[in-house]
């Protein structure tokens, strides 16, 4: 794995870790936590498949970012 790809993966992880709570926090105040947890679980599960079955390391960047957000 190249150094740039590893740095991009860590950077996207941190970016997603920061954006996720910014989206989920206000939504849970409006709709309640239960529905937000259920929707987040389904989206997390759906976005994990492309990461798990990616043929190359370069194909996991966008789905990996979405997994971290949810």
N, C-alpha and C. Protein backbone atom coordinates (compact mmCIF):
# COMPACT_ATOMS: atom_id res chain seq x y z
N UNK A 1 0.85 -1.17 0.00
CA UNK A 1 0.00 0.00 0.00
C UNK A 1 0.90 1.23 0.00
N UNK A 2 0.55 2.18 -0.82
CA UNK A 2 1.32 3.41 -0.90
C UNK A 2 1.02 4.31 0.28
N UNK A 3 1.96 5.18 0.56
CA UNK A 3 1.82 6.09 1.70
C UNK A 3 0.64 7.04 1.51
N UNK A 4 0.41 7.50 0.28
CA UNK A 4 -0.69 8.43 0.02
C UNK A 4 -2.05 7.78 0.25
N UNK A 5 -2.16 6.51 -0.12
CA UNK A 5 -3.44 5.80 0.07
C UNK A 5 -3.71 5.61 1.55
N UNK A 6 -2.69 5.27 2.31
CA UNK A 6 -2.87 5.10 3.75
C UNK A 6 -3.25 6.42 4.41
N UNK A 7 -2.60 7.50 3.99
CA UNK A 7 -2.92 8.81 4.55
C UNK A 7 -4.34 9.23 4.19
N UNK A 8 -4.75 8.94 2.96
CA UNK A 8 -6.12 9.26 2.55
C UNK A 8 -7.15 8.48 3.35
N UNK A 9 -6.87 7.20 3.62
CA UNK A 9 -7.80 6.39 4.40
C UNK A 9 -7.96 6.95 5.82
N UNK A 10 -6.86 7.31 6.44
CA UNK A 10 -6.93 7.86 7.80
C UNK A 10 -7.62 9.22 7.79
N UNK A 11 -7.32 10.04 6.78
CA UNK A 11 -7.95 11.35 6.69
C UNK A 11 -9.45 11.25 6.49
N UNK A 12 -9.88 10.33 5.65
CA UNK A 12 -11.32 10.15 5.41
C UNK A 12 -12.00 9.60 6.66
N UNK A 13 -11.30 8.73 7.40
CA UNK A 13 -11.85 8.21 8.64
C UNK A 13 -12.11 9.35 9.62
N UNK A 14 -11.13 10.22 9.79
CA UNK A 14 -11.29 11.34 10.73
C UNK A 14 -12.34 12.33 10.26
N UNK A 15 -12.40 12.58 8.97
CA UNK A 15 -13.42 13.48 8.43
C UNK A 15 -14.83 12.90 8.65
N UNK A 16 -14.99 11.63 8.37
CA UNK A 16 -16.29 10.99 8.60
C UNK A 16 -16.66 10.95 10.07
N UNK A 17 -15.67 10.74 10.92
CA UNK A 17 -15.92 10.70 12.35
C UNK A 17 -16.36 12.07 12.87
N UNK A 18 -15.95 13.13 12.20
CA UNK A 18 -16.38 14.47 12.60
C UNK A 18 -17.72 14.85 12.02
N UNK A 19 -18.01 14.42 10.79
CA UNK A 19 -19.26 14.81 10.12
C UNK A 19 -20.45 14.00 10.63
N UNK A 20 -20.25 12.74 10.95
CA UNK A 20 -21.34 11.88 11.40
C UNK A 20 -22.14 12.44 12.57
N UNK A 21 -21.49 12.79 13.67
CA UNK A 21 -22.23 13.36 14.80
C UNK A 21 -22.88 14.71 14.49
N UNK A 22 -22.28 15.47 13.58
CA UNK A 22 -22.90 16.75 13.21
C UNK A 22 -24.24 16.54 12.51
N UNK A 23 -24.37 15.44 11.79
CA UNK A 23 -25.64 15.13 11.12
C UNK A 23 -26.62 14.40 12.03
N UNK A 24 -26.12 13.44 12.78
CA UNK A 24 -27.00 12.60 13.60
C UNK A 24 -27.52 13.32 14.84
N UNK A 25 -26.75 14.23 15.40
CA UNK A 25 -27.16 14.92 16.61
C UNK A 25 -28.46 15.70 16.45
N UNK A 26 -28.50 16.63 15.51
CA UNK A 26 -29.75 17.38 15.33
C UNK A 26 -30.92 16.52 14.86
N UNK A 27 -30.64 15.52 14.04
CA UNK A 27 -31.73 14.65 13.58
C UNK A 27 -32.33 13.85 14.73
N UNK A 28 -31.50 13.43 15.69
CA UNK A 28 -32.04 12.67 16.81
C UNK A 28 -32.88 13.55 17.72
N UNK A 29 -32.61 14.84 17.75
CA UNK A 29 -33.45 15.75 18.54
C UNK A 29 -34.82 15.92 17.90
N UNK A 30 -34.88 15.88 16.58
CA UNK A 30 -36.14 16.10 15.88
C UNK A 30 -36.96 14.81 15.79
N UNK A 31 -36.31 13.71 15.39
CA UNK A 31 -37.03 12.47 15.12
C UNK A 31 -36.93 11.43 16.23
N UNK A 32 -36.06 11.62 17.18
CA UNK A 32 -35.86 10.64 18.25
C UNK A 32 -34.69 9.73 17.93
N UNK A 33 -34.14 9.14 18.95
CA UNK A 33 -32.94 8.32 18.76
C UNK A 33 -33.23 6.98 18.12
N UNK A 34 -34.35 6.38 18.42
CA UNK A 34 -34.62 5.03 17.94
C UNK A 34 -34.63 4.95 16.41
N UNK A 35 -35.33 5.85 15.75
CA UNK A 35 -35.39 5.79 14.28
C UNK A 35 -34.03 6.14 13.68
N UNK A 36 -33.29 7.06 14.29
CA UNK A 36 -31.96 7.43 13.78
C UNK A 36 -31.01 6.24 13.91
N UNK A 37 -31.07 5.52 15.02
CA UNK A 37 -30.22 4.33 15.19
C UNK A 37 -30.56 3.26 14.17
N UNK A 38 -31.83 3.05 13.92
CA UNK A 38 -32.22 2.02 12.95
C UNK A 38 -31.81 2.37 11.54
N UNK A 39 -32.05 3.61 11.14
CA UNK A 39 -31.65 4.05 9.79
C UNK A 39 -30.13 4.03 9.65
N UNK A 40 -29.42 4.47 10.68
CA UNK A 40 -27.96 4.45 10.64
C UNK A 40 -27.41 3.04 10.53
N UNK A 41 -28.03 2.10 11.23
CA UNK A 41 -27.58 0.71 11.15
C UNK A 41 -27.76 0.15 9.75
N UNK A 42 -28.90 0.41 9.14
CA UNK A 42 -29.16 -0.09 7.78
C UNK A 42 -28.18 0.54 6.78
N UNK A 43 -27.97 1.84 6.88
CA UNK A 43 -27.03 2.51 5.99
C UNK A 43 -25.59 2.04 6.23
N UNK A 44 -25.22 1.84 7.47
CA UNK A 44 -23.88 1.33 7.78
C UNK A 44 -23.69 -0.06 7.17
N UNK A 45 -24.68 -0.91 7.32
CA UNK A 45 -24.60 -2.27 6.78
C UNK A 45 -24.53 -2.23 5.26
N UNK A 46 -25.31 -1.35 4.62
CA UNK A 46 -25.32 -1.26 3.16
C UNK A 46 -24.00 -0.71 2.62
N UNK A 47 -23.38 0.19 3.34
CA UNK A 47 -22.11 0.78 2.88
C UNK A 47 -20.91 -0.09 3.21
N UNK A 48 -21.06 -1.07 4.07
CA UNK A 48 -19.95 -1.96 4.41
C UNK A 48 -19.68 -2.96 3.30
N UNK A 49 -20.69 -3.36 2.55
CA UNK A 49 -20.49 -4.35 1.49
C UNK A 49 -19.47 -3.92 0.43
N UNK A 50 -19.54 -2.71 -0.11
CA UNK A 50 -18.52 -2.32 -1.09
C UNK A 50 -17.11 -2.31 -0.51
N UNK A 51 -16.98 -2.00 0.76
CA UNK A 51 -15.66 -2.01 1.39
C UNK A 51 -15.15 -3.44 1.54
N UNK A 52 -16.04 -4.34 1.92
CA UNK A 52 -15.63 -5.72 2.15
C UNK A 52 -15.26 -6.44 0.86
N UNK A 53 -15.93 -6.13 -0.23
CA UNK A 53 -15.71 -6.86 -1.47
C UNK A 53 -14.99 -6.04 -2.54
N UNK A 54 -14.27 -5.02 -2.15
CA UNK A 54 -13.54 -4.19 -3.12
C UNK A 54 -12.36 -4.97 -3.70
N UNK A 55 -12.20 -4.96 -5.02
CA UNK A 55 -11.10 -5.71 -5.62
C UNK A 55 -9.74 -5.04 -5.41
N UNK A 56 -9.73 -3.72 -5.25
CA UNK A 56 -8.48 -2.98 -5.06
C UNK A 56 -8.64 -2.01 -3.92
N UNK A 57 -7.52 -1.60 -3.36
CA UNK A 57 -7.55 -0.67 -2.23
C UNK A 57 -8.11 0.69 -2.63
N UNK A 58 -7.93 1.09 -3.87
CA UNK A 58 -8.43 2.38 -4.32
C UNK A 58 -9.93 2.46 -4.42
N UNK A 59 -10.60 1.31 -4.48
CA UNK A 59 -12.05 1.29 -4.61
C UNK A 59 -12.80 1.42 -3.29
N UNK A 60 -12.08 1.46 -2.17
CA UNK A 60 -12.77 1.50 -0.88
C UNK A 60 -12.86 2.89 -0.28
N UNK A 61 -12.32 3.89 -0.95
CA UNK A 61 -12.23 5.21 -0.31
C UNK A 61 -13.59 5.84 -0.05
N UNK A 62 -14.44 5.93 -1.07
CA UNK A 62 -15.75 6.56 -0.87
C UNK A 62 -16.68 5.73 0.01
N UNK A 63 -16.81 4.41 -0.21
CA UNK A 63 -17.67 3.65 0.71
C UNK A 63 -17.16 3.66 2.14
N UNK A 64 -15.84 3.68 2.32
CA UNK A 64 -15.26 3.72 3.66
C UNK A 64 -15.66 5.01 4.37
N UNK A 65 -15.63 6.11 3.66
CA UNK A 65 -16.05 7.38 4.21
C UNK A 65 -17.52 7.34 4.64
N UNK A 66 -18.37 6.73 3.82
CA UNK A 66 -19.79 6.62 4.16
C UNK A 66 -20.03 5.71 5.36
N UNK A 67 -19.23 4.65 5.47
CA UNK A 67 -19.35 3.76 6.62
C UNK A 67 -19.05 4.51 7.92
N UNK A 68 -18.05 5.34 7.90
CA UNK A 68 -17.68 6.07 9.10
C UNK A 68 -18.74 7.10 9.47
N UNK A 69 -19.36 7.73 8.48
CA UNK A 69 -20.41 8.71 8.78
C UNK A 69 -21.59 8.04 9.47
N UNK A 70 -21.98 6.87 8.99
CA UNK A 70 -23.15 6.20 9.56
C UNK A 70 -22.75 5.41 10.77
